[in-house]
Amino acid sequence: MAYLSPAQFQEDGFLVLEGFLSVAECAAMKERIGEIMAKMDVPLHCRTEFSTQEEEQLRAQGSTDYFLSSGDKIRFFFEKGVFDKAGNFLVPPEKSINKIGHALHAHDSVFRCVTHSPKVQAVARSLGLQKPVVVQSMYIFKHPRCGGEVSPHQDASFLYTEPLGRVLGMWIALEDATLENGCLWFIPGSHTNGVSRRMVRNPACSAPGTSFLGSEPVRENSLFVPTPVRRGALVLIHGEVVHMSEQNLSDCSRQSYTFHLMEAVGTVWSPENWLQPTAELPFPPLYT
């Protein structure tokens, strides 16, 4: 595994650790997600298309309880344009999924073992995290020719804390992530300017269920640095660093597993976040 430089992470807001997982570990996660997909049964009224465009987010996700109540469950979210007007699949179901979230780390033994592995715990300790808890997890597919873009954003827009700087994303490439299939892009150093917008829950029974405070500024494309990585790499993502990925226009998928940690010591998780701990699933401590 590549050397972990906390100073480099603090300077750039992201850090790549190549060779974090073995080929066999990546294959086991892909095999397990295939088994989970094979049992997928999503009712018509719950078939939610995932988007990172603001208006589409509010319409598709903020208006459905299926998304807003997914923090303690394993649920399926789909690419745009994969359903007809009646909600039936226009493409094979296994090719329609954008991501599976948001509690794989809690409800599946394979993903729980990776999330709480000694390697992950060692990384968290090396960054000085005293009492990290796992707030969410996702498996992202980025299918060939249809894997959608993820527009520039900061994770803390959705996972807001007081003070800021307490959220860490861990993004694991289960396949090579290339310029062609939609690797991550970052603006180095962009984690030091606060959060430009927030997604907040609206009061119960409101429609839509969420709204945005503030807005994403227009950013020059030239500011973004591509970050292609090999299968098994871990990318550390500061909660406020601006990042994105482009649409997958290649013939190769770009599957990844990602989860977010919060330093619980001295931190308040915003009660306005869409994602909230529940009695059934309080945020589990990372260290075991």
C-alpha atoms as a PDB file:
ATOM      1  CA  MET A   1       0.000   0.000   0.000  1.00  0.00           C
ATOM      2  CA  ALA A   2       1.209   3.508  -0.780  1.00  0.00           C
ATOM      3  CA  TYR A   3       2.569   5.677   2.065  1.00  0.00           C
ATOM      4  CA  LEU A   4      -0.109   7.730   3.804  1.00  0.00           C
ATOM      5  CA  SER A   5       0.867  11.385   4.147  1.00  0.00           C
ATOM      6  CA  PRO A   6      -1.528  13.222   6.488  1.00  0.00           C
ATOM      7  CA  ALA A   7       0.159  16.506   5.535  1.00  0.00           C
ATOM      8  CA  GLN A   8      -0.522  15.933   1.825  1.00  0.00           C
ATOM      9  CA  PHE A   9      -4.139  15.065   2.586  1.00  0.00           C
ATOM     10  CA  GLN A  10      -4.565  18.241   4.634  1.00  0.00           C
ATOM     11  CA  GLU A  11      -3.021  20.315   1.850  1.00  0.00           C
ATOM     12  CA  ASP A  12      -4.979  18.893  -1.091  1.00  0.00           C
ATOM     13  CA  GLY A  13      -8.168  17.637   0.559  1.00  0.00           C
ATOM     14  CA  PHE A  14      -7.759  14.206  -1.039  1.00  0.00           C
ATOM     15  CA  LEU A  15      -5.162  11.447  -1.147  1.00  0.00           C
ATOM     16  CA  VAL A  16      -4.699   8.283  -3.228  1.00  0.00           C
ATOM     17  CA  LEU A  17      -3.450   5.073  -1.636  1.00  0.00           C
ATOM     18  CA  GLU A  18      -2.821   2.574  -4.421  1.00  0.00           C
ATOM     19  CA  GLY A  19      -2.935  -1.157  -3.622  1.00  0.00           C
ATOM     20  CA  PHE A  20      -5.132  -0.765  -0.551  1.00  0.00           C
ATOM     21  CA  LEU A  21      -7.240  -3.846  -1.378  1.00  0.00           C
ATOM     22  CA  SER A  22      -6.076  -6.999  -3.112  1.00  0.00           C
ATOM     23  CA  VAL A  23      -7.512  -8.330  -6.368  1.00  0.00           C
ATOM     24  CA  ALA A  24      -9.213 -11.093  -4.366  1.00  0.00           C
ATOM     25  CA  GLU A  25     -10.787  -8.610  -1.929  1.00  0.00           C
ATOM     26  CA  CYS A  26     -12.171  -6.554  -4.815  1.00  0.00           C
ATOM     27  CA  ALA A  27     -13.525  -9.677  -6.508  1.00  0.00           C
ATOM     28  CA  ALA A  28     -15.278 -10.792  -3.302  1.00  0.00           C
ATOM     29  CA  MET A  29     -17.122  -7.479  -3.041  1.00  0.00           C
ATOM     30  CA  LYS A  30     -18.186  -7.583  -6.679  1.00  0.00           C
ATOM     31  CA  GLU A  31     -19.392 -11.154  -6.254  1.00  0.00           C
ATOM     32  CA  ARG A  32     -21.377 -10.236  -3.172  1.00  0.00           C
ATOM     33  CA  ILE A  33     -23.030  -7.237  -4.814  1.00  0.00           C
ATOM     34  CA  GLY A  34     -24.070  -9.529  -7.667  1.00  0.00           C
ATOM     35  CA  GLU A  35     -25.838 -11.758  -5.162  1.00  0.00           C
ATOM     36  CA  ILE A  36     -27.582  -8.748  -3.607  1.00  0.00           C
ATOM     37  CA  MET A  37     -28.712  -7.533  -7.049  1.00  0.00           C
ATOM     38  CA  ALA A  38     -30.055 -10.964  -7.937  1.00  0.00           C
ATOM     39  CA  LYS A  39     -32.509 -10.652  -5.028  1.00  0.00           C
ATOM     40  CA  MET A  40     -33.500  -7.078  -5.891  1.00  0.00           C
ATOM     41  CA  ASP A  41     -37.245  -6.457  -5.644  1.00  0.00           C
ATOM     42  CA  VAL A  42     -38.136  -2.768  -5.860  1.00  0.00           C
ATOM     43  CA  PRO A  43     -41.861  -1.899  -6.019  1.00  0.00           C
ATOM     44  CA  LEU A  44     -42.926   0.310  -8.908  1.00  0.00           C
ATOM     45  CA  HIS A  45     -43.639   3.329  -6.701  1.00  0.00           C
ATOM     46  CA  CYS A  46     -40.160   3.118  -5.145  1.00  0.00           C
ATOM     47  CA  ARG A  47     -38.155   3.134  -8.373  1.00  0.00           C
ATOM     48  CA  THR A  48     -36.091   6.278  -7.874  1.00  0.00           C
ATOM     49  CA  GLU A  49     -33.708   7.682 -10.463  1.00  0.00           C
ATOM     50  CA  PHE A  50     -30.498   9.028  -8.917  1.00  0.00           C
ATOM     51  CA  SER A  51     -29.257  12.431 -10.012  1.00  0.00           C
ATOM     52  CA  THR A  52     -26.761  15.050  -8.869  1.00  0.00           C
ATOM     53  CA  GLN A  53     -28.392  17.913 -10.777  1.00  0.00           C
ATOM     54  CA  GLU A  54     -30.136  20.110  -8.215  1.00  0.00           C
ATOM     55  CA  GLU A  55     -33.647  20.340  -9.690  1.00  0.00           C
ATOM     56  CA  GLU A  56     -33.674  16.642 -10.554  1.00  0.00           C
ATOM     57  CA  GLN A  57     -32.407  15.771  -7.068  1.00  0.00           C
ATOM     58  CA  LEU A  58     -35.231  17.603  -5.388  1.00  0.00           C
ATOM     59  CA  ARG A  59     -37.836  16.134  -7.705  1.00  0.00           C
ATOM     60  CA  ALA A  60     -36.635  12.532  -7.715  1.00  0.00           C
ATOM     61  CA  GLN A  61     -35.063  12.046  -4.296  1.00  0.00           C
ATOM     62  CA  GLY A  62     -36.445  14.796  -2.103  1.00  0.00           C
ATOM     63  CA  SER A  63     -39.996  13.769  -2.921  1.00  0.00           C
ATOM     64  CA  THR A  64     -39.706  10.098  -2.092  1.00  0.00           C
ATOM     65  CA  ASP A  65     -39.620   8.432   1.295  1.00  0.00           C
ATOM     66  CA  TYR A  66     -37.790   5.512  -0.310  1.00  0.00           C
ATOM     67  CA  PHE A  67     -34.672   7.698  -0.526  1.00  0.00           C
ATOM     68  CA  LEU A  68     -35.137   9.695   2.681  1.00  0.00           C
ATOM     69  CA  SER A  69     -35.596   6.557   4.803  1.00  0.00           C
ATOM     70  CA  SER A  70     -32.708   4.618   3.243  1.00  0.00           C
ATOM     71  CA  GLY A  71     -30.037   5.597   5.762  1.00  0.00           C
ATOM     72  CA  ASP A  72     -30.444   2.419   7.800  1.00  0.00           C
ATOM     73  CA  LYS A  73     -31.340   0.081   4.930  1.00  0.00           C
ATOM     74  CA  ILE A  74     -29.980  -1.450   1.711  1.00  0.00           C
ATOM     75  CA  ARG A  75     -31.858   0.162  -1.173  1.00  0.00           C
ATOM     76  CA  PHE A  76     -31.513   0.487  -4.938  1.00  0.00           C
ATOM     77  CA  PHE A  77     -31.280   3.697  -6.977  1.00  0.00           C
ATOM     78  CA  PHE A  78     -31.356   3.844 -10.748  1.00  0.00           C
ATOM     79  CA  GLU A  79     -29.873   5.685 -13.705  1.00  0.00           C
ATOM     80  CA  LYS A  80     -31.932   8.263 -15.550  1.00  0.00           C
ATOM     81  CA  GLY A  81     -34.042   7.021 -18.446  1.00  0.00           C
ATOM     82  CA  VAL A  82     -34.160   3.340 -17.529  1.00  0.00           C
ATOM     83  CA  PHE A  83     -37.942   3.230 -16.857  1.00  0.00           C
ATOM     84  CA  ASP A  84     -40.972   3.755 -19.041  1.00  0.00           C
ATOM     85  CA  LYS A  85     -43.839   5.929 -17.788  1.00  0.00           C
ATOM     86  CA  ALA A  86     -45.318   2.989 -15.901  1.00  0.00           C
ATOM     87  CA  GLY A  87     -42.064   2.315 -14.084  1.00  0.00           C
ATOM     88  CA  ASN A  88     -41.125  -0.796 -16.049  1.00  0.00           C
ATOM     89  CA  PHE A  89     -37.493  -1.415 -16.979  1.00  0.00           C
ATOM     90  CA  LEU A  90     -36.371  -0.353 -20.458  1.00  0.00           C
ATOM     91  CA  VAL A  91     -32.984  -2.047 -19.975  1.00  0.00           C
ATOM     92  CA  PRO A  92     -31.958  -5.207 -18.086  1.00  0.00           C
ATOM     93  CA  PRO A  93     -32.430  -4.467 -14.369  1.00  0.00           C
ATOM     94  CA  GLU A  94     -28.816  -5.313 -13.530  1.00  0.00           C
ATOM     95  CA  LYS A  95     -27.665  -2.637 -16.031  1.00  0.00           C
ATOM     96  CA  SER A  96     -30.060  -0.009 -14.688  1.00  0.00           C
ATOM     97  CA  ILE A  97     -28.692   0.516 -11.179  1.00  0.00           C
ATOM     98  CA  ASN A  98     -26.744   3.674 -10.379  1.00  0.00           C
ATOM     99  CA  LYS A  99     -25.978   2.748  -6.786  1.00  0.00           C
ATOM    100  CA  ILE A 100     -26.982   0.642  -3.794  1.00  0.00           C
ATOM    101  CA  GLY A 101     -27.061   2.405  -0.405  1.00  0.00           C
ATOM    102  CA  HIS A 102     -26.934   3.493   2.327  1.00  0.00           C
ATOM    103  CA  ALA A 103     -26.247   0.877   5.033  1.00  0.00           C
ATOM    104  CA  LEU A 104     -24.336  -1.933   3.351  1.00  0.00           C
ATOM    105  CA  HIS A 105     -21.751  -1.488   6.097  1.00  0.00           C
ATOM    106  CA  ALA A 106     -24.322  -2.439   8.730  1.00  0.00           C
ATOM    107  CA  HIS A 107     -26.436  -5.130   7.099  1.00  0.00           C
ATOM    108  CA  ASP A 108     -24.044  -7.157   4.936  1.00  0.00           C
ATOM    109  CA  SER A 109     -21.172  -9.147   6.401  1.00  0.00           C
ATOM    110  CA  VAL A 110     -18.828  -8.732   3.408  1.00  0.00           C
ATOM    111  CA  PHE A 111     -19.125  -4.946   3.355  1.00  0.00           C
ATOM    112  CA  ARG A 112     -19.096  -4.725   7.156  1.00  0.00           C
ATOM    113  CA  CYS A 113     -15.783  -6.587   7.254  1.00  0.00           C
ATOM    114  CA  VAL A 114     -14.205  -4.272   4.671  1.00  0.00           C
ATOM    115  CA  THR A 115     -15.540  -1.120   6.336  1.00  0.00           C
ATOM    116  CA  HIS A 116     -14.263  -2.109   9.781  1.00  0.00           C
ATOM    117  CA  SER A 117     -11.107  -3.862   8.580  1.00  0.00           C
ATOM    118  CA  PRO A 118      -7.824  -3.327  10.437  1.00  0.00           C
ATOM    119  CA  LYS A 119      -6.502  -1.552   7.319  1.00  0.00           C
ATOM    120  CA  VAL A 120      -9.327   0.994   7.351  1.00  0.00           C
ATOM    121  CA  GLN A 121      -8.984   1.489  11.095  1.00  0.00           C
ATOM    122  CA  ALA A 122      -5.238   2.071  10.686  1.00  0.00           C
ATOM    123  CA  VAL A 123      -5.864   4.778   8.075  1.00  0.00           C
ATOM    124  CA  ALA A 124      -8.374   6.516  10.337  1.00  0.00           C
ATOM    125  CA  ARG A 125      -5.945   6.426  13.250  1.00  0.00           C
ATOM    126  CA  SER A 126      -3.102   7.765  11.115  1.00  0.00           C
ATOM    127  CA  LEU A 127      -5.314  10.777  10.297  1.00  0.00           C
ATOM    128  CA  GLY A 128      -5.899  11.372  13.994  1.00  0.00           C
ATOM    129  CA  LEU A 129      -9.537  10.278  14.210  1.00  0.00           C
ATOM    130  CA  GLN A 130     -10.349   9.544  17.846  1.00  0.00           C
ATOM    131  CA  LYS A 131     -13.901   8.191  17.700  1.00  0.00           C
ATOM    132  CA  PRO A 132     -14.978   7.839  14.062  1.00  0.00           C
ATOM    133  CA  VAL A 133     -18.443   6.513  13.319  1.00  0.00           C
ATOM    134  CA  VAL A 134     -19.763   5.206   9.989  1.00  0.00           C
ATOM    135  CA  VAL A 135     -22.615   7.358   8.708  1.00  0.00           C
ATOM    136  CA  GLN A 136     -23.362   5.794   5.314  1.00  0.00           C
ATOM    137  CA  SER A 137     -22.095   3.465   2.592  1.00  0.00           C
ATOM    138  CA  MET A 138     -22.760   3.042  -1.125  1.00  0.00           C
ATOM    139  CA  TYR A 139     -21.860   0.704  -3.955  1.00  0.00           C
ATOM    140  CA  ILE A 140     -21.589   2.684  -7.206  1.00  0.00           C
ATOM    141  CA  PHE A 141     -21.748   0.937 -10.584  1.00  0.00           C
ATOM    142  CA  LYS A 142     -20.973   3.506 -13.297  1.00  0.00           C
ATOM    143  CA  HIS A 143     -22.130   1.128 -16.031  1.00  0.00           C
ATOM    144  CA  PRO A 144     -20.563   1.230 -19.526  1.00  0.00           C
ATOM    145  CA  ARG A 145     -22.128   3.802 -21.869  1.00  0.00           C
ATOM    146  CA  CYS A 146     -24.796   4.822 -19.345  1.00  0.00           C
ATOM    147  CA  GLY A 147     -23.102   5.515 -16.002  1.00  0.00           C
ATOM    148  CA  GLY A 148     -24.171   9.074 -15.264  1.00  0.00           C
ATOM    149  CA  GLU A 149     -21.996  12.058 -14.433  1.00  0.00           C
ATOM    150  CA  VAL A 150     -21.687  13.319 -10.870  1.00  0.00           C
ATOM    151  CA  SER A 151     -21.650  17.115 -10.949  1.00  0.00           C
ATOM    152  CA  PRO A 152     -19.157  19.122  -8.857  1.00  0.00           C
ATOM    153  CA  HIS A 153     -20.081  18.978  -5.180  1.00  0.00           C
ATOM    154  CA  GLN A 154     -18.854  18.777  -1.600  1.00  0.00           C
ATOM    155  CA  ASP A 155     -19.890  15.785   0.501  1.00  0.00           C
ATOM    156  CA  ALA A 156     -20.500  18.099   3.471  1.00  0.00           C
ATOM    157  CA  SER A 157     -23.355  19.690   1.507  1.00  0.00           C
ATOM    158  CA  PHE A 158     -25.271  16.503   2.287  1.00  0.00           C
ATOM    159  CA  LEU A 159     -23.436  15.352   5.431  1.00  0.00           C
ATOM    160  CA  TYR A 160     -23.133  18.603   7.381  1.00  0.00           C
ATOM    161  CA  THR A 161     -21.483  18.891  10.776  1.00  0.00           C
ATOM    162  CA  GLU A 162     -20.613  21.587  13.265  1.00  0.00           C
ATOM    163  CA  PRO A 163     -17.784  22.295  13.253  1.00  0.00           C
ATOM    164  CA  LEU A 164     -16.935  21.510   9.646  1.00  0.00           C
ATOM    165  CA  GLY A 165     -13.983  19.301   8.778  1.00  0.00           C
ATOM    166  CA  ARG A 166     -15.287  16.222  10.593  1.00  0.00           C
ATOM    167  CA  VAL A 167     -16.429  14.100   7.624  1.00  0.00           C
ATOM    168  CA  LEU A 168     -14.087  11.789   5.694  1.00  0.00           C
ATOM    169  CA  GLY A 169     -14.996   9.836   2.571  1.00  0.00           C
ATOM    170  CA  MET A 170     -13.271   6.540   1.801  1.00  0.00           C
ATOM    171  CA  TRP A 171     -13.698   5.613  -1.868  1.00  0.00           C
ATOM    172  CA  ILE A 172     -12.394   2.200  -2.971  1.00  0.00           C
ATOM    173  CA  ALA A 173     -11.950   1.371  -6.662  1.00  0.00           C
ATOM    174  CA  LEU A 174     -13.123  -2.190  -7.321  1.00  0.00           C
ATOM    175  CA  GLU A 175     -12.154  -1.774 -10.985  1.00  0.00           C
ATOM    176  CA  ASP A 176      -9.669   0.513 -12.715  1.00  0.00           C
ATOM    177  CA  ALA A 177     -10.989   4.092 -12.772  1.00  0.00           C
ATOM    178  CA  THR A 178      -9.795   5.819 -15.941  1.00  0.00           C
ATOM    179  CA  LEU A 179     -10.317   9.056 -17.830  1.00  0.00           C
ATOM    180  CA  GLU A 180     -12.583   7.132 -20.196  1.00  0.00           C
ATOM    181  CA  ASN A 181     -14.858   5.401 -17.684  1.00  0.00           C
ATOM    182  CA  GLY A 182     -15.411   8.272 -15.264  1.00  0.00           C
ATOM    183  CA  CYS A 183     -12.600   8.578 -12.701  1.00  0.00           C
ATOM    184  CA  LEU A 184     -12.797  11.163  -9.919  1.00  0.00           C
ATOM    185  CA  TRP A 185     -11.691  14.768 -10.490  1.00  0.00           C
ATOM    186  CA  PHE A 186     -10.738  17.144  -7.649  1.00  0.00           C
ATOM    187  CA  ILE A 187      -9.962  20.815  -7.108  1.00  0.00           C
ATOM    188  CA  PRO A 188      -6.877  20.573  -4.866  1.00  0.00           C
ATOM    189  CA  GLY A 189      -7.117  22.787  -1.799  1.00  0.00           C
ATOM    190  CA  SER A 190     -10.821  23.541  -2.265  1.00  0.00           C
ATOM    191  CA  HIS A 191     -11.653  22.114   1.171  1.00  0.00           C
ATOM    192  CA  THR A 192     -10.601  25.318   2.970  1.00  0.00           C
ATOM    193  CA  ASN A 193     -13.385  27.662   1.827  1.00  0.00           C
ATOM    194  CA  GLY A 194     -16.399  26.316   3.713  1.00  0.00           C
ATOM    195  CA  VAL A 195     -19.546  24.837   2.149  1.00  0.00           C
ATOM    196  CA  SER A 196     -21.320  26.645  -0.685  1.00  0.00           C
ATOM    197  CA  ARG A 197     -24.695  24.926  -0.374  1.00  0.00           C
ATOM    198  CA  ARG A 198     -26.542  22.511   1.883  1.00  0.00           C
ATOM    199  CA  MET A 199     -29.242  19.948   1.268  1.00  0.00           C
ATOM    200  CA  VAL A 200     -31.635  20.010   4.231  1.00  0.00           C
ATOM    201  CA  ARG A 201     -34.710  18.076   5.233  1.00  0.00           C
ATOM    202  CA  ASN A 202     -37.939  20.015   5.085  1.00  0.00           C
ATOM    203  CA  PRO A 203     -40.477  19.649   7.907  1.00  0.00           C
ATOM    204  CA  ALA A 204     -42.354  16.364   7.983  1.00  0.00           C
ATOM    205  CA  CYS A 205     -45.145  16.029   5.418  1.00  0.00           C
ATOM    206  CA  SER A 206     -43.644  18.787   3.262  1.00  0.00           C
ATOM    207  CA  ALA A 207     -43.147  18.341  -0.467  1.00  0.00           C
ATOM    208  CA  PRO A 208     -40.487  18.062  -1.624  1.00  0.00           C
ATOM    209  CA  GLY A 209     -38.870  16.388   1.366  1.00  0.00           C
ATOM    210  CA  THR A 210     -35.607  18.309   0.952  1.00  0.00           C
ATOM    211  CA  SER A 211     -34.434  21.679  -0.283  1.00  0.00           C
ATOM    212  CA  PHE A 212     -31.115  23.417  -0.941  1.00  0.00           C
ATOM    213  CA  LEU A 213     -29.692  26.378   0.940  1.00  0.00           C
ATOM    214  CA  GLY A 214     -27.178  28.352  -1.110  1.00  0.00           C
ATOM    215  CA  SER A 215     -25.932  27.272  -4.530  1.00  0.00           C
ATOM    216  CA  GLU A 216     -22.922  25.725  -6.225  1.00  0.00           C
ATOM    217  CA  PRO A 217     -20.720  28.434  -7.770  1.00  0.00           C
ATOM    218  CA  VAL A 218     -19.629  28.116 -11.389  1.00  0.00           C
ATOM    219  CA  ARG A 219     -16.120  26.649 -11.357  1.00  0.00           C
ATOM    220  CA  GLU A 220     -13.580  26.684 -14.163  1.00  0.00           C
ATOM    221  CA  ASN A 221     -12.995  23.224 -15.607  1.00  0.00           C
ATOM    222  CA  SER A 222      -9.274  23.969 -15.610  1.00  0.00           C
ATOM    223  CA  LEU A 223      -9.270  23.871 -11.797  1.00  0.00           C
ATOM    224  CA  PHE A 224     -10.106  20.155 -11.723  1.00  0.00           C
ATOM    225  CA  VAL A 225      -7.365  17.520 -11.640  1.00  0.00           C
ATOM    226  CA  PRO A 226      -8.186  13.987 -12.870  1.00  0.00           C
ATOM    227  CA  THR A 227      -7.393  11.157 -10.487  1.00  0.00           C
ATOM    228  CA  PRO A 228      -7.286   7.840 -12.365  1.00  0.00           C
ATOM    229  CA  VAL A 229      -6.503   4.875 -10.090  1.00  0.00           C
ATOM    230  CA  ARG A 230      -6.018   1.141 -10.359  1.00  0.00           C
ATOM    231  CA  ARG A 231      -8.331  -1.517  -8.965  1.00  0.00           C
ATOM    232  CA  GLY A 232      -7.856  -1.787  -5.209  1.00  0.00           C
ATOM    233  CA  ALA A 233      -6.907   1.865  -4.667  1.00  0.00           C
ATOM    234  CA  LEU A 234      -8.336   3.862  -1.769  1.00  0.00           C
ATOM    235  CA  VAL A 235      -9.079   7.549  -2.299  1.00  0.00           C
ATOM    236  CA  LEU A 236      -9.464   9.627   0.864  1.00  0.00           C
ATOM    237  CA  ILE A 237     -11.898  12.528   0.382  1.00  0.00           C
ATOM    238  CA  HIS A 238     -12.178  15.478   2.753  1.00  0.00           C
ATOM    239  CA  GLY A 239     -15.808  16.397   3.391  1.00  0.00           C
ATOM    240  CA  GLU A 240     -15.398  19.858   1.887  1.00  0.00           C
ATOM    241  CA  VAL A 241     -13.151  19.185  -1.119  1.00  0.00           C
ATOM    242  CA  VAL A 242     -14.886  19.863  -4.452  1.00  0.00           C
ATOM    243  CA  HIS A 243     -14.965  16.787  -6.678  1.00  0.00           C
ATOM    244  CA  MET A 244     -16.882  15.301  -9.594  1.00  0.00           C
ATOM    245  CA  SER A 245     -16.851  12.507 -12.153  1.00  0.00           C
ATOM    246  CA  GLU A 246     -17.842  12.488 -15.796  1.00  0.00           C
ATOM    247  CA  GLN A 247     -20.249  10.185 -17.580  1.00  0.00           C
ATOM    248  CA  ASN A 248     -18.905   6.758 -18.454  1.00  0.00           C
ATOM    249  CA  LEU A 249     -18.678   6.700 -22.246  1.00  0.00           C
ATOM    250  CA  SER A 250     -16.425   3.641 -22.382  1.00  0.00           C
ATOM    251  CA  ASP A 251     -17.144  -0.067 -22.705  1.00  0.00           C
ATOM    252  CA  CYS A 252     -15.846  -0.752 -19.169  1.00  0.00           C
ATOM    253  CA  SER A 253     -17.704  -0.281 -15.918  1.00  0.00           C
ATOM    254  CA  ARG A 254     -16.160   1.636 -13.002  1.00  0.00           C
ATOM    255  CA  GLN A 255     -17.462  -0.025  -9.872  1.00  0.00           C
ATOM    256  CA  SER A 256     -16.548   1.338  -6.456  1.00  0.00           C
ATOM    257  CA  TYR A 257     -17.456   1.026  -2.794  1.00  0.00           C
ATOM    258  CA  THR A 258     -17.522   4.206  -0.749  1.00  0.00           C
ATOM    259  CA  PHE A 259     -18.409   5.060   2.821  1.00  0.00           C
ATOM    260  CA  HIS A 260     -18.240   8.126   5.042  1.00  0.00           C
ATOM    261  CA  LEU A 261     -16.873   8.537   8.533  1.00  0.00           C
ATOM    262  CA  MET A 262     -17.537  11.298  11.053  1.00  0.00           C
ATOM    263  CA  GLU A 263     -15.276  12.187  13.951  1.00  0.00           C
ATOM    264  CA  ALA A 264     -17.778  11.975  16.796  1.00  0.00           C
ATOM    265  CA  VAL A 265     -15.663  13.718  19.446  1.00  0.00           C
ATOM    266  CA  GLY A 266     -16.801  17.324  19.784  1.00  0.00           C
ATOM    267  CA  THR A 267     -18.994  17.116  16.681  1.00  0.00           C
ATOM    268  CA  VAL A 268     -22.689  17.844  16.151  1.00  0.00           C
ATOM    269  CA  TRP A 269     -24.362  15.991  13.272  1.00  0.00           C
ATOM    270  CA  SER A 270     -26.854  18.435  11.779  1.00  0.00           C
ATOM    271  CA  PRO A 271     -30.476  17.490  12.559  1.00  0.00           C
ATOM    272  CA  GLU A 272     -31.295  19.036   9.164  1.00  0.00           C
ATOM    273  CA  ASN A 273     -29.284  16.454   7.200  1.00  0.00           C
ATOM    274  CA  TRP A 274     -31.363  14.134   5.024  1.00  0.00           C
ATOM    275  CA  LEU A 275     -29.540  11.193   6.604  1.00  0.00           C
ATOM    276  CA  GLN A 276     -30.222  10.621  10.293  1.00  0.00           C
ATOM    277  CA  PRO A 277     -29.234   7.871  12.712  1.00  0.00           C
ATOM    278  CA  THR A 278     -32.166   5.778  13.887  1.00  0.00           C
ATOM    279  CA  ALA A 279     -32.998   3.762  16.953  1.00  0.00           C
ATOM    280  CA  GLU A 280     -32.503   0.649  14.841  1.00  0.00           C
ATOM    281  CA  LEU A 281     -29.141   1.861  13.491  1.00  0.00           C
ATOM    282  CA  PRO A 282     -27.224   4.479  15.464  1.00  0.00           C
ATOM    283  CA  PHE A 283     -24.010   5.406  13.620  1.00  0.00           C
ATOM    284  CA  PRO A 284     -21.724   2.451  14.457  1.00  0.00           C
ATOM    285  CA  PRO A 285     -18.218   3.118  15.813  1.00  0.00           C
ATOM    286  CA  LEU A 286     -15.480   2.313  13.274  1.00  0.00           C
ATOM    287  CA  TYR A 287     -13.034   0.983  15.828  1.00  0.00           C
ATOM    288  CA  THR A 288     -13.837  -2.520  16.993  1.00  0.00           C
END
